[in-house]
């Protein structure tokens, strides 16, 4: 059988880093790829943490937008957007270049520092 392309974030999915960290913005011949999703299902949604392979390094990231249509109040993005974070949850960059979903504000305790550097919400 032929299945459609999966638009959620799982292993080996290419992602786009949307913060202004030096690691995410320096050009490289391979895009960052997800190598692990930190939840039970193995499919990442907005607000999930993932492990990225980026420029030969392993870094944690937070999903702030994906292509897959979600619930009625979750916006759908043109690319799979992530923000690089440290192991303790602090963002590596100081600005987020794209709008992030308003639904992340419900989970403000976990992502308060990421929400603080966001410029606008959708």
Protein backbone atom coordinates (compact mmCIF):
# COMPACT_ATOMS: atom_id res chain seq x y z
CA UNK A 1 0.00 0.00 0.00
CA UNK A 2 1.06 3.58 -0.56
CA UNK A 3 0.91 5.93 2.39
CA UNK A 4 0.99 9.70 2.35
CA UNK A 5 3.91 11.72 3.59
CA UNK A 6 3.93 12.16 7.35
CA UNK A 7 3.78 15.84 8.25
CA UNK A 8 4.43 15.42 11.97
CA UNK A 9 7.89 15.42 13.48
CA UNK A 10 9.41 11.99 14.00
CA UNK A 11 12.86 10.45 13.56
CA UNK A 12 14.86 11.78 10.58
CA UNK A 13 12.48 14.70 9.98
CA UNK A 14 14.19 17.84 8.70
CA UNK A 15 13.47 20.90 10.81
CA UNK A 16 14.12 24.64 10.64
CA UNK A 17 15.75 26.49 13.53
CA UNK A 18 13.89 29.79 14.05
CA UNK A 19 15.91 31.45 16.80
CA UNK A 20 19.01 33.60 16.40
CA UNK A 21 21.50 31.17 17.94
CA UNK A 22 24.84 30.92 16.17
CA UNK A 23 24.56 27.14 15.87
CA UNK A 24 21.20 27.34 14.10
CA UNK A 25 22.00 30.21 11.73
CA UNK A 26 25.43 29.31 10.39
CA UNK A 27 25.06 27.77 6.90
CA UNK A 28 25.81 24.06 6.66
CA UNK A 29 25.40 21.56 3.83
CA UNK A 30 22.96 19.35 5.77
CA UNK A 31 19.76 20.55 7.45
CA UNK A 32 19.15 19.72 11.12
CA UNK A 33 17.36 16.40 11.64
CA UNK A 34 15.35 15.00 14.53
CA UNK A 35 16.95 11.91 16.00
CA UNK A 36 14.67 11.37 19.03
CA UNK A 37 11.27 12.57 20.29
CA UNK A 38 10.85 12.81 24.06
CA UNK A 39 7.33 11.38 24.43
CA UNK A 40 5.63 7.98 24.43
CA UNK A 41 4.31 8.00 20.86
CA UNK A 42 7.49 9.04 19.05
CA UNK A 43 5.58 11.69 17.08
CA UNK A 44 6.26 15.30 18.03
CA UNK A 45 3.60 18.00 18.28
CA UNK A 46 3.81 21.67 19.28
CA UNK A 47 5.34 21.92 22.74
CA UNK A 48 7.26 18.61 22.65
CA UNK A 49 11.00 18.36 23.16
CA UNK A 50 13.18 16.61 20.59
CA UNK A 51 16.85 15.77 20.11
CA UNK A 52 18.48 17.21 16.98
CA UNK A 53 21.55 16.31 15.00
CA UNK A 54 22.88 19.68 13.89
CA UNK A 55 26.39 20.23 12.47
CA UNK A 56 27.71 17.02 13.99
CA UNK A 57 26.39 17.88 17.45
CA UNK A 58 23.42 16.67 19.46
CA UNK A 59 21.20 19.45 20.83
CA UNK A 60 17.76 19.53 22.45
CA UNK A 61 15.04 21.60 20.83
CA UNK A 62 11.44 22.63 21.43
CA UNK A 63 8.86 22.31 18.64
CA UNK A 64 7.11 25.66 18.10
CA UNK A 65 5.34 24.86 14.81
CA UNK A 66 4.77 21.96 12.45
CA UNK A 67 3.18 21.28 9.09
CA UNK A 68 0.59 18.80 10.32
CA UNK A 69 -2.85 20.30 10.90
CA UNK A 70 -3.76 19.98 14.56
CA UNK A 71 -6.86 20.91 16.51
CA UNK A 72 -9.06 23.77 15.36
CA UNK A 73 -7.20 26.37 17.42
CA UNK A 74 -3.65 25.30 16.48
CA UNK A 75 -2.15 27.07 13.45
CA UNK A 76 -0.53 25.09 10.65
CA UNK A 77 2.91 26.26 9.51
CA UNK A 78 4.76 25.98 6.20
CA UNK A 79 7.79 24.39 7.86
CA UNK A 80 8.67 22.39 10.97
CA UNK A 81 9.98 25.09 13.33
CA UNK A 82 12.10 24.46 16.42
CA UNK A 83 13.92 26.56 19.03
CA UNK A 84 17.24 25.26 20.38
CA UNK A 85 17.31 24.84 24.17
CA UNK A 86 19.89 23.80 26.71
CA UNK A 87 19.52 20.69 28.89
CA UNK A 88 17.91 22.72 31.68
CA UNK A 89 15.30 24.27 29.33
CA UNK A 90 16.84 27.71 28.77
CA UNK A 91 16.84 28.88 25.13
CA UNK A 92 20.23 29.21 23.44
CA UNK A 93 19.23 32.20 21.28
CA UNK A 94 17.94 35.60 22.38
CA UNK A 95 15.18 36.14 19.76
CA UNK A 96 12.63 33.99 17.94
CA UNK A 97 12.20 35.10 14.33
CA UNK A 98 8.77 33.61 13.55
CA UNK A 99 5.44 33.78 15.37
CA UNK A 100 4.79 30.93 17.77
CA UNK A 101 1.38 29.40 18.61
CA UNK A 102 -0.67 30.98 21.35
CA UNK A 103 -1.42 27.50 22.73
CA UNK A 104 2.10 27.31 24.20
CA UNK A 105 1.12 29.99 26.71
CA UNK A 106 -1.12 27.45 28.48
CA UNK A 107 2.02 25.53 29.44
CA UNK A 108 3.82 28.68 30.57
CA UNK A 109 5.56 27.09 33.57
CA UNK A 110 7.64 24.79 31.38
CA UNK A 111 8.44 27.26 28.61
CA UNK A 112 8.40 30.66 30.34
CA UNK A 113 11.91 31.60 29.16
CA UNK A 114 11.14 30.59 25.57
CA UNK A 115 7.92 32.61 25.65
CA UNK A 116 9.80 35.62 27.04
CA UNK A 117 12.04 35.88 23.94
CA UNK A 118 9.16 35.45 21.47
CA UNK A 119 8.18 38.58 19.57
CA UNK A 120 4.66 37.67 18.49
CA UNK A 121 2.05 34.94 18.84
CA UNK A 122 -0.46 33.43 16.42
